[in-house]
C-alpha atoms as a PDB file:
ATOM      1  CA  MET A   1       0.000   0.000   0.000  1.00  0.00           C
ATOM      2  CA  ASN A   2       1.171   3.494  -0.861  1.00  0.00           C
ATOM      3  CA  ILE A   3      -0.357   6.936  -0.437  1.00  0.00           C
ATOM      4  CA  GLU A   4       0.658   9.961  -2.490  1.00  0.00           C
ATOM      5  CA  ILE A   5      -0.057  13.437  -1.128  1.00  0.00           C
ATOM      6  CA  TYR A   6      -0.262  16.373  -3.502  1.00  0.00           C
ATOM      7  CA  CYS A   7       0.468  19.259  -1.188  1.00  0.00           C
ATOM      8  CA  ASP A   8      -0.358  22.855  -2.173  1.00  0.00           C
ATOM      9  CA  ILE A   9       0.670  25.441   0.381  1.00  0.00           C
ATOM     10  CA  GLN A  10      -0.709  28.778  -0.822  1.00  0.00           C
ATOM     11  CA  ALA A  11       1.893  31.483  -1.447  1.00  0.00           C
ATOM     12  CA  ALA A  12       0.343  33.912   1.050  1.00  0.00           C
ATOM     13  CA  ILE A  13       1.090  31.592   3.970  1.00  0.00           C
ATOM     14  CA  SER A  14       3.916  29.378   2.665  1.00  0.00           C
ATOM     15  CA  ASP A  15       6.654  31.254   4.515  1.00  0.00           C
ATOM     16  CA  VAL A  16       4.988  30.594   7.890  1.00  0.00           C
ATOM     17  CA  HIS A  17       3.631  27.068   7.296  1.00  0.00           C
ATOM     18  CA  PRO A  18       5.379  24.788   9.821  1.00  0.00           C
ATOM     19  CA  ILE A  19       5.184  21.479   7.915  1.00  0.00           C
ATOM     20  CA  SER A  20       7.082  20.427   4.786  1.00  0.00           C
ATOM     21  CA  SER A  21       5.527  18.450   1.952  1.00  0.00           C
ATOM     22  CA  ASP A  22       7.871  15.547   2.760  1.00  0.00           C
ATOM     23  CA  GLN A  23       6.694  15.558   6.372  1.00  0.00           C
ATOM     24  CA  TRP A  24       3.058  15.498   5.260  1.00  0.00           C
ATOM     25  CA  GLN A  25       3.858  12.536   2.998  1.00  0.00           C
ATOM     26  CA  GLU A  26       5.439  10.636   5.899  1.00  0.00           C
ATOM     27  CA  TRP A  27       2.565  11.364   8.288  1.00  0.00           C
ATOM     28  CA  PHE A  28      -0.192  10.412   5.845  1.00  0.00           C
ATOM     29  CA  ALA A  29       1.687   7.165   5.089  1.00  0.00           C
ATOM     30  CA  LYS A  30       1.646   6.313   8.815  1.00  0.00           C
ATOM     31  CA  TRP A  31      -2.037   7.159   9.030  1.00  0.00           C
ATOM     32  CA  ALA A  32      -2.867   5.056   5.958  1.00  0.00           C
ATOM     33  CA  SER A  33      -0.957   2.053   7.343  1.00  0.00           C
ATOM     34  CA  TYR A  34      -2.828   2.320  10.635  1.00  0.00           C
ATOM     35  CA  LEU A  35      -6.208   2.721   8.918  1.00  0.00           C
ATOM     36  CA  GLN A  36      -5.468  -0.274   6.686  1.00  0.00           C
ATOM     37  CA  ALA A  37      -4.510  -2.396   9.722  1.00  0.00           C
ATOM     38  CA  GLU A  38      -7.755  -1.317  11.423  1.00  0.00           C
ATOM     39  CA  GLY A  39      -9.782  -2.386   8.373  1.00  0.00           C
ATOM     40  CA  GLU A  40     -10.848   1.184   7.580  1.00  0.00           C
ATOM     41  CA  ILE A  41      -9.261   1.126   4.117  1.00  0.00           C
ATOM     42  CA  SER A  42      -8.129  -1.662   1.805  1.00  0.00           C
ATOM     43  CA  ASN A  43      -4.547  -2.504   0.916  1.00  0.00           C
ATOM     44  CA  ASP A  44      -4.607  -0.417  -2.271  1.00  0.00           C
ATOM     45  CA  ASP A  45      -2.637   2.614  -3.399  1.00  0.00           C
ATOM     46  CA  TYR A  46      -4.209   5.988  -2.685  1.00  0.00           C
ATOM     47  CA  GLU A  47      -3.763   9.636  -3.480  1.00  0.00           C
ATOM     48  CA  LEU A  48      -5.246  12.850  -2.157  1.00  0.00           C
ATOM     49  CA  SER A  49      -4.623  16.547  -2.306  1.00  0.00           C
ATOM     50  CA  LEU A  50      -3.944  18.716   0.712  1.00  0.00           C
ATOM     51  CA  THR A  51      -4.268  22.479   0.339  1.00  0.00           C
ATOM     52  CA  ILE A  52      -3.208  24.874   3.070  1.00  0.00           C
ATOM     53  CA  THR A  53      -4.782  28.266   2.477  1.00  0.00           C
ATOM     54  CA  ASP A  54      -6.132  31.364   4.218  1.00  0.00           C
ATOM     55  CA  ASP A  55      -9.550  32.440   5.498  1.00  0.00           C
ATOM     56  CA  THR A  56     -10.456  34.354   2.340  1.00  0.00           C
ATOM     57  CA  THR A  57     -10.040  31.332   0.080  1.00  0.00           C
ATOM     58  CA  ILE A  58     -11.703  28.827   2.400  1.00  0.00           C
ATOM     59  CA  GLN A  59     -14.638  31.211   2.931  1.00  0.00           C
ATOM     60  CA  GLN A  60     -15.152  31.362  -0.844  1.00  0.00           C
ATOM     61  CA  LEU A  61     -15.115  27.551  -1.038  1.00  0.00           C
ATOM     62  CA  ASN A  62     -17.417  27.246   1.968  1.00  0.00           C
ATOM     63  CA  GLN A  63     -19.884  29.620   0.298  1.00  0.00           C
ATOM     64  CA  GLN A  64     -19.627  27.920  -3.089  1.00  0.00           C
ATOM     65  CA  TYR A  65     -20.017  24.316  -1.907  1.00  0.00           C
ATOM     66  CA  ARG A  66     -21.886  24.560   1.405  1.00  0.00           C
ATOM     67  CA  GLN A  67     -23.699  27.907   1.060  1.00  0.00           C
ATOM     68  CA  ILE A  68     -22.118  29.058   4.342  1.00  0.00           C
ATOM     69  CA  ASP A  69     -20.603  32.513   3.961  1.00  0.00           C
ATOM     70  CA  ARG A  70     -17.873  32.407   6.595  1.00  0.00           C
ATOM     71  CA  PRO A  71     -14.441  30.844   6.983  1.00  0.00           C
ATOM     72  CA  THR A  72     -14.100  27.364   8.433  1.00  0.00           C
ATOM     73  CA  ASP A  73     -11.100  25.399   9.617  1.00  0.00           C
ATOM     74  CA  VAL A  74     -11.212  22.415   7.250  1.00  0.00           C
ATOM     75  CA  LEU A  75     -13.184  21.284   4.221  1.00  0.00           C
ATOM     76  CA  SER A  76     -13.098  17.777   2.769  1.00  0.00           C
ATOM     77  CA  PHE A  77     -14.334  16.783  -0.650  1.00  0.00           C
ATOM     78  CA  ALA A  78     -14.459  13.007  -1.003  1.00  0.00           C
ATOM     79  CA  THR A  79     -14.075  11.609  -4.489  1.00  0.00           C
ATOM     80  CA  LEU A  80     -15.706   8.329  -3.533  1.00  0.00           C
ATOM     81  CA  GLU A  81     -19.168   8.586  -2.075  1.00  0.00           C
ATOM     82  CA  ALA A  82     -19.839   4.864  -2.472  1.00  0.00           C
ATOM     83  CA  ALA A  83     -17.801   1.740  -1.864  1.00  0.00           C
ATOM     84  CA  MET A  84     -15.362   0.717  -4.571  1.00  0.00           C
ATOM     85  CA  PRO A  85     -16.480  -2.303  -6.582  1.00  0.00           C
ATOM     86  CA  GLU A  86     -14.405  -5.420  -5.993  1.00  0.00           C
ATOM     87  CA  LEU A  87     -12.461  -6.445  -9.089  1.00  0.00           C
ATOM     88  CA  PRO A  88     -11.054  -9.924  -9.657  1.00  0.00           C
ATOM     89  CA  GLU A  89      -7.415 -10.285  -8.595  1.00  0.00           C
ATOM     90  CA  GLY A  90      -5.020  -9.839 -11.524  1.00  0.00           C
ATOM     91  CA  MET A  91      -7.681  -8.432 -13.840  1.00  0.00           C
ATOM     92  CA  PHE A  92      -5.415  -5.523 -14.798  1.00  0.00           C
ATOM     93  CA  ASP A  93      -1.626  -5.267 -15.009  1.00  0.00           C
ATOM     94  CA  TYR A  94      -1.631  -1.773 -13.528  1.00  0.00           C
ATOM     95  CA  VAL A  95      -4.213  -0.193 -11.309  1.00  0.00           C
ATOM     96  CA  GLU A  96      -4.319   3.560 -10.791  1.00  0.00           C
ATOM     97  CA  PRO A  97      -4.202   4.776  -7.204  1.00  0.00           C
ATOM     98  CA  ILE A  98      -7.600   5.407  -5.669  1.00  0.00           C
ATOM     99  CA  CYS A  99      -8.181   9.140  -5.430  1.00  0.00           C
ATOM    100  CA  LEU A 100      -9.669   9.835  -2.001  1.00  0.00           C
ATOM    101  CA  GLY A 101     -10.343  13.524  -2.639  1.00  0.00           C
ATOM    102  CA  ASP A 102      -9.278  16.916  -1.341  1.00  0.00           C
ATOM    103  CA  ILE A 103      -8.590  18.361   2.094  1.00  0.00           C
ATOM    104  CA  ILE A 104      -8.455  22.158   2.408  1.00  0.00           C
ATOM    105  CA  ILE A 105      -7.267  23.729   5.660  1.00  0.00           C
ATOM    106  CA  SER A 106      -7.304  27.407   6.583  1.00  0.00           C
ATOM    107  CA  GLN A 107      -4.023  28.099   8.334  1.00  0.00           C
ATOM    108  CA  THR A 108      -5.480  31.442   9.464  1.00  0.00           C
ATOM    109  CA  THR A 109      -8.299  29.709  11.346  1.00  0.00           C
ATOM    110  CA  ALA A 110      -5.952  26.945  12.531  1.00  0.00           C
ATOM    111  CA  LEU A 111      -3.639  29.544  14.085  1.00  0.00           C
ATOM    112  CA  ARG A 112      -6.540  31.225  15.847  1.00  0.00           C
ATOM    113  CA  GLN A 113      -7.822  27.882  17.167  1.00  0.00           C
ATOM    114  CA  ALA A 114      -4.330  26.819  18.283  1.00  0.00           C
ATOM    115  CA  GLN A 115      -3.998  30.013  20.295  1.00  0.00           C
ATOM    116  CA  GLU A 116      -7.465  29.584  21.840  1.00  0.00           C
ATOM    117  CA  ARG A 117      -6.746  25.948  22.747  1.00  0.00           C
ATOM    118  CA  GLN A 118      -3.193  26.718  23.858  1.00  0.00           C
ATOM    119  CA  HIS A 119      -1.361  24.263  21.678  1.00  0.00           C
ATOM    120  CA  SER A 120       0.960  24.519  18.682  1.00  0.00           C
ATOM    121  CA  LEU A 121      -0.051  25.458  15.149  1.00  0.00           C
ATOM    122  CA  THR A 122       1.490  22.195  13.952  1.00  0.00           C
ATOM    123  CA  TYR A 123      -0.738  20.180  16.291  1.00  0.00           C
ATOM    124  CA  GLU A 124      -3.874  22.057  15.197  1.00  0.00           C
ATOM    125  CA  ILE A 125      -3.139  21.654  11.487  1.00  0.00           C
ATOM    126  CA  CYS A 126      -2.425  17.939  11.950  1.00  0.00           C
ATOM    127  CA  TRP A 127      -5.660  17.564  13.940  1.00  0.00           C
ATOM    128  CA  LEU A 128      -7.562  19.164  11.062  1.00  0.00           C
ATOM    129  CA  ALA A 129      -5.756  17.047   8.440  1.00  0.00           C
ATOM    130  CA  ALA A 130      -6.625  13.864  10.359  1.00  0.00           C
ATOM    131  CA  HIS A 131     -10.243  15.021  10.593  1.00  0.00           C
ATOM    132  CA  GLY A 132     -10.299  15.681   6.851  1.00  0.00           C
ATOM    133  CA  LEU A 133      -8.779  12.285   6.075  1.00  0.00           C
ATOM    134  CA  LEU A 134     -11.417  10.504   8.129  1.00  0.00           C
ATOM    135  CA  HIS A 135     -14.136  12.329   6.201  1.00  0.00           C
ATOM    136  CA  LEU A 136     -12.514  11.237   2.915  1.00  0.00           C
ATOM    137  CA  ILE A 137     -12.727   7.574   3.921  1.00  0.00           C
ATOM    138  CA  GLY A 138     -16.366   7.819   4.951  1.00  0.00           C
ATOM    139  CA  TRP A 139     -16.462   8.981   8.559  1.00  0.00           C
ATOM    140  CA  ASP A 140     -19.062  11.585   9.529  1.00  0.00           C
ATOM    141  CA  HIS A 141     -20.420  13.075  12.734  1.00  0.00           C
ATOM    142  CA  PRO A 142     -24.152  13.783  12.453  1.00  0.00           C
ATOM    143  CA  ASP A 143     -24.640  13.203  16.198  1.00  0.00           C
ATOM    144  CA  ASP A 144     -22.674  13.379  19.457  1.00  0.00           C
ATOM    145  CA  GLN A 145     -21.908   9.649  19.537  1.00  0.00           C
ATOM    146  CA  SER A 146     -20.389   9.576  16.041  1.00  0.00           C
ATOM    147  CA  LEU A 147     -18.492  12.817  16.755  1.00  0.00           C
ATOM    148  CA  GLU A 148     -16.975  11.267  19.883  1.00  0.00           C
ATOM    149  CA  ALA A 149     -15.916   8.168  17.915  1.00  0.00           C
ATOM    150  CA  MET A 150     -14.366  10.340  15.207  1.00  0.00           C
ATOM    151  CA  LEU A 151     -12.482  12.500  17.720  1.00  0.00           C
ATOM    152  CA  THR A 152     -11.145   9.345  19.390  1.00  0.00           C
ATOM    153  CA  GLN A 153      -9.899   8.097  16.018  1.00  0.00           C
ATOM    154  CA  GLN A 154      -8.243  11.486  15.390  1.00  0.00           C
ATOM    155  CA  ASP A 155      -6.458  11.123  18.739  1.00  0.00           C
ATOM    156  CA  HIS A 156      -5.128   7.724  17.615  1.00  0.00           C
ATOM    157  CA  LEU A 157      -3.876   9.215  14.350  1.00  0.00           C
ATOM    158  CA  LEU A 158      -2.080  12.082  16.075  1.00  0.00           C
ATOM    159  CA  LYS A 159      -0.373   9.717  18.521  1.00  0.00           C
ATOM    160  CA  LEU A 160       1.112   7.865  15.532  1.00  0.00           C
ATOM    161  CA  ILE A 161       3.020  10.938  14.401  1.00  0.00           C
ATOM    162  CA  ASP A 162       3.971  12.176  17.875  1.00  0.00           C
ATOM    163  CA  VAL A 163       3.155  15.841  17.331  1.00  0.00           C
ATOM    164  CA  SER A 164       3.644  17.886  20.464  1.00  0.00           C
ATOM    165  CA  LEU A 165       0.986  20.189  21.823  1.00  0.00           C
END
């Protein structure tokens, strides 16, 4: 199993973004291995895009796709809304990676939240990236019970990469 991250750190915030593209690649690989071992995802190759932006851009996307005219911390756009069909083993010589979708994080909002919660910007951005990844693989939180389960899973993901508060 392999996961490829296409990381786009917007120019306006790139000089203050605390995480390199290589680091993101390493962390998502750890998360994917854990999720595969937990039976959350199959042993296929995956790809996703991660965009780190500002409040202005994420507000525009939030308005366009959710009709909510304010910034948010993270948006996730899953490519797969239904389960992948099972194909017979060896049917194709080469199989394209499964595109999970897009995660967009507002570093502006993440910084504000990190300050409010008294932890590092790196921790907050990783928390949001883990949340976005879980949405891409089908997790949701329509009620308190599912939110609690999702937050617990995010805690597990963050422990794998040992990001300090």
